[in-house]
Amino acid sequence: MSFSELLKQCRKQKGISQAELASKLGVTQQAVGKWESGRSSPDPATVARIAEILSTTADFLLGLYRPVSNVTTPEERFFGNYAESLIPVIGTVKAGYGALAFEEDYGQEYARVKDPSNYFYLVVRGDSMEPRIQDGDLALVHKQDTLENGDLGVLVYGDEGEGTLKRYIQRGNCVVLQPFNPAYNELVIKGEDLNHLHIAGRVVETKAKW
């Protein structure tokens, strides 16, 4: 099914009118009507917001996810060893006053993980991890404050720094934050500066998305 068909189907299943959806999104009813008729399409951020309102995912609305038949509650679908759960998608990880803050709500996406509360998706920004990871990709991150040598992690450097996706390398008494893109230099952190390095989590999976 197309985005327009899936949008209309999900909206009706939720019992929301075009006018109600438009009001929640801050757009006109005509805009919603155009989306459902296929005459235009919303931007990715709006798709994520629509998915949140309609209790589904952007993947489903975009036709990228095929639901399992005979299952009534999406959050309880079961694959292999773990149920597939909705994980929050965030845009920014920041550090301040020794604590990490997760900012910018981009809705939710499904993941098959043991303990959903210990995971988040991060929207990757920039090209420092190309060609393996592109700007706008989604990284599934397990929340933890330690990393093994060679792990791909989300790290925040500086008390008011912003999270970055880099390979974590232990080199003697130093920690190296290593990009994949050769156009970028490694960041070597040592001595007292290590006290300003915050580990937000370990990247367990990445996928092209946004």
N, C-alpha and C. Protein backbone atom coordinates (compact mmCIF):
# COMPACT_ATOMS: atom_id res chain seq x y z
N MET A 1 0.84 -1.20 0.00
CA MET A 1 0.00 0.00 0.00
C MET A 1 0.87 1.25 0.00
N SER A 2 0.35 2.33 -0.54
CA SER A 2 1.08 3.58 -0.60
C SER A 2 0.97 4.33 0.71
N PHE A 3 1.81 5.37 0.87
CA PHE A 3 1.74 6.20 2.07
C PHE A 3 0.35 6.79 2.24
N SER A 4 -0.23 7.30 1.15
CA SER A 4 -1.55 7.93 1.24
C SER A 4 -2.60 6.95 1.75
N GLU A 5 -2.55 5.71 1.25
CA GLU A 5 -3.52 4.69 1.68
C GLU A 5 -3.31 4.28 3.13
N LEU A 6 -2.04 4.11 3.51
CA LEU A 6 -1.73 3.70 4.88
C LEU A 6 -2.09 4.80 5.88
N LEU A 7 -1.84 6.05 5.49
CA LEU A 7 -2.19 7.18 6.36
C LEU A 7 -3.70 7.19 6.61
N LYS A 8 -4.48 7.07 5.55
CA LYS A 8 -5.93 7.10 5.67
C LYS A 8 -6.42 5.92 6.53
N GLN A 9 -5.84 4.74 6.30
CA GLN A 9 -6.22 3.55 7.05
C GLN A 9 -5.93 3.71 8.53
N CYS A 10 -4.72 4.17 8.87
CA CYS A 10 -4.34 4.33 10.28
C CYS A 10 -5.17 5.42 10.97
N ARG A 11 -5.42 6.49 10.23
CA ARG A 11 -6.22 7.58 10.81
C ARG A 11 -7.62 7.09 11.18
N LYS A 12 -8.24 6.33 10.27
CA LYS A 12 -9.59 5.84 10.52
C LYS A 12 -9.60 4.82 11.66
N GLN A 13 -8.57 3.95 11.70
CA GLN A 13 -8.50 2.96 12.78
C GLN A 13 -8.35 3.65 14.14
N LYS A 14 -7.70 4.79 14.15
CA LYS A 14 -7.51 5.56 15.39
C LYS A 14 -8.76 6.35 15.75
N GLY A 15 -9.68 6.50 14.78
CA GLY A 15 -10.91 7.24 15.03
C GLY A 15 -10.70 8.75 15.04
N ILE A 16 -9.73 9.21 14.24
CA ILE A 16 -9.42 10.63 14.18
C ILE A 16 -9.82 11.16 12.81
N SER A 17 -10.48 12.32 12.77
CA SER A 17 -10.87 12.93 11.50
C SER A 17 -9.67 13.66 10.89
N GLN A 18 -9.81 13.99 9.62
CA GLN A 18 -8.76 14.78 8.96
C GLN A 18 -8.54 16.10 9.69
N ALA A 19 -9.64 16.71 10.12
CA ALA A 19 -9.56 18.00 10.80
C ALA A 19 -8.82 17.87 12.13
N GLU A 20 -9.11 16.79 12.86
CA GLU A 20 -8.44 16.57 14.16
C GLU A 20 -6.95 16.34 13.97
N LEU A 21 -6.59 15.52 12.97
CA LEU A 21 -5.18 15.26 12.71
C LEU A 21 -4.47 16.55 12.30
N ALA A 22 -5.13 17.32 11.45
CA ALA A 22 -4.54 18.59 11.01
C ALA A 22 -4.30 19.52 12.20
N SER A 23 -5.27 19.57 13.13
CA SER A 23 -5.14 20.43 14.30
C SER A 23 -3.96 20.02 15.17
N LYS A 24 -3.80 18.72 15.36
CA LYS A 24 -2.69 18.22 16.18
C LYS A 24 -1.33 18.52 15.55
N LEU A 25 -1.32 18.55 14.21
CA LEU A 25 -0.06 18.77 13.48
C LEU A 25 0.21 20.26 13.22
N GLY A 26 -0.82 21.09 13.40
CA GLY A 26 -0.66 22.51 13.11
C GLY A 26 -0.64 22.81 11.62
N VAL A 27 -1.37 21.99 10.83
CA VAL A 27 -1.47 22.21 9.39
C VAL A 27 -2.96 22.33 9.04
N THR A 28 -3.25 22.60 7.78
CA THR A 28 -4.64 22.71 7.36
C THR A 28 -5.22 21.34 7.04
N GLN A 29 -6.55 21.25 7.12
CA GLN A 29 -7.21 20.00 6.74
C GLN A 29 -6.94 19.69 5.27
N GLN A 30 -6.81 20.74 4.46
CA GLN A 30 -6.54 20.55 3.04
C GLN A 30 -5.20 19.84 2.83
N ALA A 31 -4.22 20.16 3.69
CA ALA A 31 -2.90 19.51 3.58
C ALA A 31 -3.03 18.01 3.84
N VAL A 32 -3.79 17.65 4.88
CA VAL A 32 -4.00 16.23 5.19
C VAL A 32 -4.73 15.56 4.04
N GLY A 33 -5.71 16.25 3.48
CA GLY A 33 -6.45 15.71 2.34
C GLY A 33 -5.55 15.43 1.15
N LYS A 34 -4.60 16.32 0.91
CA LYS A 34 -3.66 16.13 -0.20
C LYS A 34 -2.75 14.94 0.05
N TRP A 35 -2.34 14.76 1.31
CA TRP A 35 -1.51 13.59 1.63
C TRP A 35 -2.27 12.31 1.38
N GLU A 36 -3.54 12.29 1.77
CA GLU A 36 -4.33 11.06 1.64
C GLU A 36 -4.76 10.80 0.20
N SER A 37 -4.75 11.82 -0.62
CA SER A 37 -5.09 11.62 -2.03
C SER A 37 -3.83 11.37 -2.87
N GLY A 38 -2.66 11.51 -2.24
CA GLY A 38 -1.40 11.27 -2.95
C GLY A 38 -0.92 12.45 -3.76
N ARG A 39 -1.57 13.61 -3.60
CA ARG A 39 -1.15 14.80 -4.36
C ARG A 39 0.09 15.48 -3.78
N SER A 40 0.38 15.21 -2.51
CA SER A 40 1.59 15.74 -1.89
C SER A 40 1.99 14.85 -0.74
N SER A 41 3.18 15.07 -0.19
CA SER A 41 3.67 14.25 0.92
C SER A 41 4.29 15.14 1.99
N PRO A 42 4.15 14.77 3.26
CA PRO A 42 4.77 15.54 4.35
C PRO A 42 6.27 15.27 4.43
N ASP A 43 6.99 16.16 5.13
CA ASP A 43 8.42 15.96 5.32
C ASP A 43 8.64 14.87 6.38
N PRO A 44 9.88 14.33 6.47
CA PRO A 44 10.15 13.22 7.40
C PRO A 44 9.79 13.52 8.85
N ALA A 45 10.04 14.74 9.31
CA ALA A 45 9.72 15.08 10.71
C ALA A 45 8.21 15.02 10.94
N THR A 46 7.44 15.46 9.94
CA THR A 46 5.99 15.41 10.07
C THR A 46 5.48 13.98 10.02
N VAL A 47 6.10 13.15 9.18
CA VAL A 47 5.73 11.73 9.13
C VAL A 47 5.93 11.10 10.52
N ALA A 48 7.04 11.42 11.17
CA ALA A 48 7.30 10.89 12.51
C ALA A 48 6.25 11.35 13.50
N ARG A 49 5.84 12.61 13.39
CA ARG A 49 4.82 13.15 14.29
C ARG A 49 3.46 12.48 14.02
N ILE A 50 3.13 12.28 12.75
CA ILE A 50 1.89 11.59 12.39
C ILE A 50 1.88 10.18 12.99
N ALA A 51 3.01 9.48 12.85
CA ALA A 51 3.12 8.12 13.37
C ALA A 51 2.87 8.09 14.87
N GLU A 52 3.41 9.08 15.57
CA GLU A 52 3.22 9.15 17.02
C GLU A 52 1.75 9.37 17.36
N ILE A 53 1.09 10.26 16.66
CA ILE A 53 -0.31 10.57 16.92
C ILE A 53 -1.20 9.36 16.64
N LEU A 54 -0.86 8.61 15.58
CA LEU A 54 -1.68 7.48 15.17
C LEU A 54 -1.23 6.16 15.80
N SER A 55 -0.30 6.24 16.75
CA SER A 55 0.19 5.05 17.48
C SER A 55 0.74 3.99 16.54
N THR A 56 1.52 4.45 15.55
CA THR A 56 2.18 3.52 14.65
C THR A 56 3.62 3.99 14.47
N THR A 57 4.29 3.59 13.39
CA THR A 57 5.67 4.03 13.16
C THR A 57 5.79 4.64 11.77
N ALA A 58 6.84 5.41 11.59
CA ALA A 58 7.11 5.99 10.28
C ALA A 58 7.36 4.89 9.26
N ASP A 59 8.05 3.83 9.67
CA ASP A 59 8.32 2.70 8.78
C ASP A 59 7.02 2.13 8.22
N PHE A 60 6.04 1.95 9.10
CA PHE A 60 4.76 1.37 8.65
C PHE A 60 4.06 2.31 7.67
N LEU A 61 4.01 3.60 8.00
CA LEU A 61 3.32 4.56 7.14
C LEU A 61 3.99 4.67 5.77
N LEU A 62 5.30 4.48 5.74
CA LEU A 62 6.04 4.59 4.48
C LEU A 62 6.09 3.27 3.72
N GLY A 63 5.41 2.26 4.28
CA GLY A 63 5.36 0.97 3.60
C GLY A 63 6.61 0.15 3.71
N LEU A 64 7.44 0.47 4.72
CA LEU A 64 8.71 -0.23 4.88
C LEU A 64 8.61 -1.37 5.87
N TYR A 65 7.47 -1.51 6.50
CA TYR A 65 7.31 -2.55 7.52
C TYR A 65 6.07 -3.36 7.22
N ARG A 66 6.21 -4.68 7.17
CA ARG A 66 5.08 -5.57 6.94
C ARG A 66 4.67 -6.20 8.26
N PRO A 67 3.50 -5.85 8.80
CA PRO A 67 3.10 -6.39 10.10
C PRO A 67 2.81 -7.88 10.04
N VAL A 68 2.97 -8.54 11.18
CA VAL A 68 2.67 -9.96 11.28
C VAL A 68 1.15 -10.13 11.34
N SER A 69 0.62 -11.11 10.60
CA SER A 69 -0.83 -11.32 10.58
C SER A 69 -1.32 -11.90 11.89
N ASN A 70 -2.60 -11.68 12.15
CA ASN A 70 -3.28 -12.25 13.32
C ASN A 70 -2.73 -11.73 14.64
N VAL A 71 -2.15 -10.54 14.62
CA VAL A 71 -1.67 -9.94 15.86
C VAL A 71 -2.39 -8.61 16.03
N THR A 72 -3.01 -8.40 17.17
CA THR A 72 -3.83 -7.21 17.35
C THR A 72 -3.09 -6.06 18.02
N THR A 73 -2.08 -6.37 18.80
CA THR A 73 -1.34 -5.32 19.51
C THR A 73 0.09 -5.26 18.99
N PRO A 74 0.44 -4.21 18.20
CA PRO A 74 1.77 -4.15 17.61
C PRO A 74 2.89 -4.26 18.63
N GLU A 75 2.70 -3.67 19.82
CA GLU A 75 3.77 -3.69 20.82
C GLU A 75 4.06 -5.10 21.34
N GLU A 76 3.14 -6.04 21.08
CA GLU A 76 3.32 -7.38 21.60
C GLU A 76 3.74 -8.38 20.53
N ARG A 77 4.08 -7.90 19.34
CA ARG A 77 4.54 -8.82 18.31
C ARG A 77 5.81 -9.50 18.79
N PHE A 78 6.01 -10.73 18.38
CA PHE A 78 7.13 -11.50 18.90
C PHE A 78 7.96 -12.08 17.75
N PHE A 79 9.25 -11.83 17.78
CA PHE A 79 10.16 -12.35 16.77
C PHE A 79 11.34 -13.01 17.47
N GLY A 80 11.59 -14.28 17.18
CA GLY A 80 12.73 -14.94 17.78
C GLY A 80 12.63 -14.94 19.29
N ASN A 81 13.64 -14.40 19.96
CA ASN A 81 13.69 -14.43 21.41
C ASN A 81 13.04 -13.24 22.08
N TYR A 82 12.88 -12.12 21.36
CA TYR A 82 12.41 -10.90 22.00
C TYR A 82 11.19 -10.33 21.29
N ALA A 83 10.32 -9.72 22.06
CA ALA A 83 9.19 -9.00 21.48
C ALA A 83 9.71 -7.74 20.80
N GLU A 84 9.03 -7.31 19.77
CA GLU A 84 9.41 -6.07 19.08
C GLU A 84 8.71 -4.92 19.78
N SER A 85 9.49 -3.96 20.27
CA SER A 85 8.96 -2.88 21.09
C SER A 85 9.23 -1.53 20.46
N LEU A 86 8.43 -0.55 20.86
CA LEU A 86 8.63 0.81 20.39
C LEU A 86 9.73 1.49 21.20
N ILE A 87 10.71 2.03 20.49
CA ILE A 87 11.86 2.69 21.11
C ILE A 87 11.83 4.17 20.73
N PRO A 88 12.07 5.09 21.68
CA PRO A 88 12.04 6.52 21.35
C PRO A 88 13.17 6.92 20.40
N VAL A 89 12.86 7.82 19.48
CA VAL A 89 13.84 8.37 18.55
C VAL A 89 14.15 9.79 18.99
N ILE A 90 15.42 10.06 19.26
CA ILE A 90 15.83 11.40 19.72
C ILE A 90 16.79 12.03 18.72
N GLY A 91 16.94 13.32 18.82
CA GLY A 91 17.80 14.03 17.88
C GLY A 91 19.14 14.44 18.47
N THR A 92 19.20 14.58 19.80
CA THR A 92 20.41 15.12 20.41
C THR A 92 20.67 14.50 21.77
N VAL A 93 21.94 14.21 22.04
CA VAL A 93 22.38 13.84 23.39
C VAL A 93 23.32 14.95 23.85
N LYS A 94 23.04 15.52 25.01
CA LYS A 94 23.90 16.58 25.53
C LYS A 94 24.29 16.30 26.97
N ALA A 95 25.40 16.90 27.39
CA ALA A 95 25.86 16.75 28.76
C ALA A 95 25.84 18.11 29.44
N GLY A 96 25.46 18.07 30.69
CA GLY A 96 25.47 19.30 31.48
C GLY A 96 25.37 18.96 32.94
N TYR A 97 26.24 19.55 33.75
CA TYR A 97 26.24 19.32 35.20
C TYR A 97 26.39 17.83 35.53
N GLY A 98 27.17 17.13 34.71
CA GLY A 98 27.48 15.74 35.00
C GLY A 98 26.39 14.75 34.63
N ALA A 99 25.28 15.23 34.04
CA ALA A 99 24.19 14.34 33.65
C ALA A 99 23.94 14.46 32.16
N LEU A 100 23.41 13.40 31.58
CA LEU A 100 23.11 13.40 30.16
C LEU A 100 21.63 13.72 29.94
N ALA A 101 21.38 14.52 28.92
CA ALA A 101 20.00 14.86 28.56
C ALA A 101 19.74 14.39 27.14
N PHE A 102 18.55 13.82 26.93
CA PHE A 102 18.17 13.34 25.62
C PHE A 102 17.08 14.26 25.08
N GLU A 103 17.39 14.95 23.97
CA GLU A 103 16.52 16.02 23.50
C GLU A 103 16.02 15.78 22.08
N GLU A 104 15.02 16.55 21.69
CA GLU A 104 14.41 16.50 20.36
C GLU A 104 13.67 15.17 20.16
N ASP A 105 12.38 15.21 20.25
CA ASP A 105 11.55 14.02 20.13
C ASP A 105 11.15 13.81 18.68
N TYR A 106 11.57 12.68 18.11
CA TYR A 106 11.22 12.35 16.74
C TYR A 106 10.27 11.16 16.67
N GLY A 107 9.57 10.90 17.75
CA GLY A 107 8.61 9.81 17.73
C GLY A 107 9.24 8.50 18.18
N GLN A 108 8.79 7.38 17.58
CA GLN A 108 9.24 6.06 18.00
C GLN A 108 9.42 5.15 16.79
N GLU A 109 10.29 4.15 16.94
CA GLU A 109 10.49 3.13 15.93
C GLU A 109 10.60 1.78 16.64
N TYR A 110 10.32 0.71 15.91
CA TYR A 110 10.38 -0.62 16.50
C TYR A 110 11.81 -1.17 16.54
N ALA A 111 12.07 -1.98 17.56
CA ALA A 111 13.33 -2.72 17.66
C ALA A 111 13.08 -3.99 18.46
N ARG A 112 13.83 -5.04 18.14
CA ARG A 112 13.73 -6.29 18.89
C ARG A 112 14.85 -6.33 19.91
N VAL A 113 14.56 -5.99 21.13
CA VAL A 113 15.56 -5.92 22.19
C VAL A 113 15.00 -6.53 23.47
N LYS A 114 15.89 -6.94 24.34
CA LYS A 114 15.50 -7.61 25.58
C LYS A 114 14.83 -6.66 26.56
N ASP A 115 15.42 -5.47 26.73
CA ASP A 115 14.92 -4.51 27.72
C ASP A 115 14.74 -3.15 27.05
N PRO A 116 13.57 -2.88 26.47
CA PRO A 116 13.35 -1.66 25.69
C PRO A 116 13.69 -0.36 26.42
N SER A 117 13.51 -0.33 27.74
CA SER A 117 13.75 0.91 28.48
C SER A 117 15.21 1.32 28.48
N ASN A 118 16.11 0.39 28.12
CA ASN A 118 17.54 0.68 28.11
C ASN A 118 18.06 1.04 26.72
N TYR A 119 17.16 1.35 25.80
CA TYR A 119 17.57 1.67 24.43
C TYR A 119 16.94 2.97 23.96
N PHE A 120 17.61 3.59 22.99
CA PHE A 120 17.03 4.72 22.28
C PHE A 120 17.60 4.74 20.87
N TYR A 121 16.87 5.34 19.96
CA TYR A 121 17.38 5.59 18.62
C TYR A 121 17.90 7.02 18.57
N LEU A 122 19.03 7.21 17.89
CA LEU A 122 19.59 8.54 17.69
C LEU A 122 19.65 8.83 16.20
N VAL A 123 19.16 10.01 15.81
CA VAL A 123 19.29 10.44 14.42
C VAL A 123 20.71 10.95 14.21
N VAL A 124 21.46 10.30 13.33
CA VAL A 124 22.86 10.66 13.09
C VAL A 124 22.95 11.96 12.31
N ARG A 125 23.82 12.86 12.77
CA ARG A 125 24.02 14.14 12.10
C ARG A 125 25.45 14.24 11.59
N GLY A 126 25.62 14.80 10.39
CA GLY A 126 26.96 15.03 9.86
C GLY A 126 27.48 13.85 9.05
N ASP A 127 28.67 14.03 8.49
CA ASP A 127 29.24 13.01 7.59
C ASP A 127 30.54 12.40 8.11
N SER A 128 30.82 12.57 9.40
CA SER A 128 32.10 12.09 9.93
C SER A 128 32.20 10.57 9.96
N MET A 129 31.06 9.86 9.85
CA MET A 129 31.09 8.40 9.88
C MET A 129 30.80 7.78 8.51
N GLU A 130 30.79 8.61 7.47
CA GLU A 130 30.64 8.06 6.12
C GLU A 130 31.92 7.31 5.73
N PRO A 131 31.85 6.32 4.86
CA PRO A 131 30.68 5.92 4.08
C PRO A 131 29.77 4.90 4.79
N ARG A 132 30.20 4.39 5.94
CA ARG A 132 29.39 3.35 6.60
C ARG A 132 28.07 3.89 7.13
N ILE A 133 28.11 5.07 7.75
CA ILE A 133 26.90 5.65 8.35
C ILE A 133 26.70 7.04 7.76
N GLN A 134 25.52 7.26 7.22
CA GLN A 134 25.23 8.51 6.52
C GLN A 134 24.48 9.49 7.42
N ASP A 135 24.55 10.75 7.05
CA ASP A 135 23.77 11.78 7.73
C ASP A 135 22.28 11.43 7.63
N GLY A 136 21.58 11.43 8.77
CA GLY A 136 20.17 11.11 8.77
C GLY A 136 19.84 9.66 9.08
N ASP A 137 20.86 8.79 9.13
CA ASP A 137 20.61 7.40 9.50
C ASP A 137 20.16 7.30 10.95
N LEU A 138 19.58 6.17 11.29
CA LEU A 138 19.19 5.91 12.67
C LEU A 138 20.17 4.95 13.31
N ALA A 139 20.61 5.27 14.52
CA ALA A 139 21.48 4.39 15.30
C ALA A 139 20.71 3.90 16.51
N LEU A 140 20.66 2.58 16.69
CA LEU A 140 20.04 1.99 17.87
C LEU A 140 21.10 1.90 18.96
N VAL A 141 20.85 2.54 20.09
CA VAL A 141 21.87 2.68 21.13
C VAL A 141 21.42 2.04 22.44
N HIS A 142 22.29 1.22 23.02
CA HIS A 142 22.05 0.66 24.35
C HIS A 142 22.65 1.61 25.38
N LYS A 143 21.84 2.07 26.31
CA LYS A 143 22.32 3.00 27.33
C LYS A 143 23.32 2.31 28.25
N GLN A 144 24.53 2.83 28.32
CA GLN A 144 25.56 2.31 29.23
C GLN A 144 26.65 3.35 29.35
N ASP A 145 27.37 3.33 30.46
CA ASP A 145 28.39 4.35 30.70
C ASP A 145 29.82 3.82 30.52
N THR A 146 29.96 2.61 29.97
CA THR A 146 31.28 2.06 29.65
C THR A 146 31.25 1.48 28.25
N LEU A 147 32.43 1.41 27.64
CA LEU A 147 32.57 0.82 26.31
C LEU A 147 33.82 -0.05 26.27
N GLU A 148 33.79 -1.08 25.45
CA GLU A 148 34.97 -1.89 25.22
C GLU A 148 35.79 -1.27 24.09
N ASN A 149 37.08 -1.58 24.07
CA ASN A 149 37.95 -1.07 23.03
C ASN A 149 37.42 -1.48 21.65
N GLY A 150 37.22 -0.51 20.79
CA GLY A 150 36.75 -0.78 19.45
C GLY A 150 35.25 -0.64 19.27
N ASP A 151 34.51 -0.46 20.36
CA ASP A 151 33.07 -0.30 20.26
C ASP A 151 32.70 0.99 19.52
N LEU A 152 31.56 0.96 18.85
CA LEU A 152 30.99 2.17 18.27
C LEU A 152 30.03 2.73 19.31
N GLY A 153 30.28 3.96 19.72
CA GLY A 153 29.48 4.51 20.82
C GLY A 153 28.98 5.91 20.55
N VAL A 154 28.06 6.33 21.42
CA VAL A 154 27.61 7.73 21.43
C VAL A 154 28.30 8.38 22.62
N LEU A 155 29.13 9.37 22.34
CA LEU A 155 29.97 9.98 23.37
C LEU A 155 29.78 11.49 23.37
N VAL A 156 29.86 12.07 24.56
CA VAL A 156 29.73 13.50 24.72
C VAL A 156 31.02 14.01 25.36
N TYR A 157 31.68 14.95 24.69
CA TYR A 157 32.93 15.48 25.22
C TYR A 157 32.72 16.93 25.66
N GLY A 158 33.00 17.19 26.93
CA GLY A 158 32.80 18.53 27.48
C GLY A 158 31.52 18.56 28.30
N ASP A 159 31.50 19.39 29.34
CA ASP A 159 30.36 19.44 30.24
C ASP A 159 29.10 19.95 29.58
N GLU A 160 29.26 20.69 28.49
CA GLU A 160 28.09 21.17 27.76
C GLU A 160 28.16 20.75 26.30
N GLY A 161 28.88 19.65 26.06
CA GLY A 161 29.05 19.17 24.70
C GLY A 161 27.83 18.45 24.18
N GLU A 162 27.88 18.10 22.88
CA GLU A 162 26.79 17.40 22.23
C GLU A 162 27.28 16.03 21.78
N GLY A 163 26.38 15.06 21.84
CA GLY A 163 26.76 13.69 21.53
C GLY A 163 27.27 13.50 20.12
N THR A 164 28.24 12.62 19.98
CA THR A 164 28.80 12.31 18.67
C THR A 164 28.94 10.80 18.54
N LEU A 165 28.78 10.31 17.34
CA LEU A 165 28.91 8.87 17.07
C LEU A 165 30.33 8.60 16.59
N LYS A 166 31.10 7.86 17.36
CA LYS A 166 32.49 7.58 17.01
C LYS A 166 32.90 6.20 17.51
N ARG A 167 33.98 5.67 16.91
CA ARG A 167 34.57 4.44 17.43
C ARG A 167 35.43 4.78 18.65
N TYR A 168 35.26 4.00 19.70
CA TYR A 168 35.94 4.25 20.97
C TYR A 168 37.20 3.38 21.02
N ILE A 169 38.36 4.04 21.06
CA ILE A 169 39.64 3.34 21.06
C ILE A 169 40.42 3.68 22.33
N GLN A 170 40.87 2.68 23.05
CA GLN A 170 41.75 2.88 24.21
C GLN A 170 43.19 2.71 23.76
N ARG A 171 43.98 3.76 23.92
CA ARG A 171 45.37 3.74 23.45
C ARG A 171 46.26 4.22 24.60
N GLY A 172 46.80 3.24 25.37
CA GLY A 172 47.59 3.59 26.54
C GLY A 172 46.72 4.26 27.57
N ASN A 173 47.13 5.46 28.01
CA ASN A 173 46.34 6.23 28.98
C ASN A 173 45.39 7.20 28.31
N CYS A 174 45.23 7.06 27.01
CA CYS A 174 44.37 7.97 26.24
C CYS A 174 43.14 7.24 25.72
N VAL A 175 42.15 8.04 25.40
CA VAL A 175 40.98 7.55 24.67
C VAL A 175 40.92 8.30 23.34
N VAL A 176 40.74 7.54 22.27
CA VAL A 176 40.66 8.14 20.94
C VAL A 176 39.25 7.98 20.41
N LEU A 177 38.66 9.08 19.97
CA LEU A 177 37.37 9.05 19.30
C LEU A 177 37.65 9.08 17.80
N GLN A 178 37.36 7.97 17.15
CA GLN A 178 37.81 7.77 15.78
C GLN A 178 36.64 7.83 14.79
N PRO A 179 36.68 8.75 13.82
CA PRO A 179 35.65 8.79 12.77
C PRO A 179 35.97 7.77 11.68
N PHE A 180 34.97 7.40 10.90
CA PHE A 180 35.21 6.52 9.75
C PHE A 180 35.68 7.32 8.55
N ASN A 181 35.20 8.55 8.45
CA ASN A 181 35.52 9.40 7.30
C ASN A 181 36.97 9.89 7.42
N PRO A 182 37.84 9.53 6.46
CA PRO A 182 39.25 9.93 6.55
C PRO A 182 39.47 11.43 6.46
N ALA A 183 38.44 12.17 6.06
CA ALA A 183 38.58 13.63 5.98
C ALA A 183 38.57 14.27 7.36
N TYR A 184 38.20 13.49 8.39
CA TYR A 184 38.14 14.01 9.74
C TYR A 184 39.28 13.43 10.58
N ASN A 185 39.79 14.25 11.50
CA ASN A 185 40.87 13.81 12.38
C ASN A 185 40.34 13.09 13.61
N GLU A 186 41.16 12.21 14.17
CA GLU A 186 40.83 11.59 15.43
C GLU A 186 40.87 12.64 16.53
N LEU A 187 40.07 12.43 17.57
CA LEU A 187 40.13 13.27 18.76
C LEU A 187 40.77 12.45 19.87
N VAL A 188 41.94 12.90 20.33
CA VAL A 188 42.66 12.20 21.39
C VAL A 188 42.39 12.91 22.72
N ILE A 189 41.90 12.16 23.68
CA ILE A 189 41.55 12.72 24.99
C ILE A 189 42.42 12.05 26.05
N LYS A 190 43.05 12.85 26.89
CA LYS A 190 43.95 12.27 27.89
C LYS A 190 43.97 13.13 29.14
N GLY A 191 44.58 12.58 30.19
CA GLY A 191 44.73 13.31 31.43
C GLY A 191 43.40 13.71 32.06
N GLU A 192 43.37 14.91 32.60
CA GLU A 192 42.16 15.39 33.27
C GLU A 192 40.99 15.57 32.30
N ASP A 193 41.30 15.71 31.01
CA ASP A 193 40.24 15.88 30.02
C ASP A 193 39.33 14.66 29.95
N LEU A 194 39.84 13.50 30.40
CA LEU A 194 39.01 12.29 30.40
C LEU A 194 37.80 12.43 31.34
N ASN A 195 37.94 13.32 32.33
CA ASN A 195 36.81 13.55 33.25
C ASN A 195 35.63 14.23 32.56
N HIS A 196 35.89 14.80 31.39
CA HIS A 196 34.85 15.52 30.66
C HIS A 196 34.30 14.69 29.49
N LEU A 197 34.67 13.40 29.46
CA LEU A 197 34.15 12.51 28.43
C LEU A 197 33.02 11.68 29.03
N HIS A 198 31.85 11.80 28.46
CA HIS A 198 30.67 11.08 28.95
C HIS A 198 30.25 10.05 27.91
N ILE A 199 30.03 8.83 28.32
CA ILE A 199 29.57 7.77 27.42
C ILE A 199 28.06 7.64 27.59
N ALA A 200 27.33 7.83 26.50
CA ALA A 200 25.87 7.73 26.55
C ALA A 200 25.40 6.31 26.25
N GLY A 201 26.17 5.57 25.45
CA GLY A 201 25.76 4.22 25.14
C GLY A 201 26.55 3.61 24.00
N ARG A 202 26.25 2.35 23.72
CA ARG A 202 26.92 1.60 22.65
C ARG A 202 25.94 1.40 21.49
N VAL A 203 26.42 1.69 20.30
CA VAL A 203 25.61 1.51 19.10
C VAL A 203 25.56 0.02 18.75
N VAL A 204 24.36 -0.54 18.69
CA VAL A 204 24.22 -1.96 18.39
C VAL A 204 23.73 -2.21 16.97
N GLU A 205 23.20 -1.15 16.32
CA GLU A 205 22.66 -1.32 14.99
C GLU A 205 22.46 0.05 14.36
N THR A 206 22.68 0.14 13.06
CA THR A 206 22.37 1.36 12.33
C THR A 206 21.56 1.01 11.09
N LYS A 207 20.71 1.93 10.68
CA LYS A 207 19.94 1.70 9.46
C LYS A 207 19.63 3.02 8.79
N ALA A 208 19.58 2.98 7.45
CA ALA A 208 19.22 4.18 6.69
C ALA A 208 17.78 4.52 7.00
N LYS A 209 17.52 5.78 7.27
CA LYS A 209 16.18 6.12 7.69
C LYS A 209 15.77 7.52 7.28
N TRP A 210 16.37 8.55 7.93
CA TRP A 210 15.81 9.90 7.83
C TRP A 210 16.51 10.69 6.74
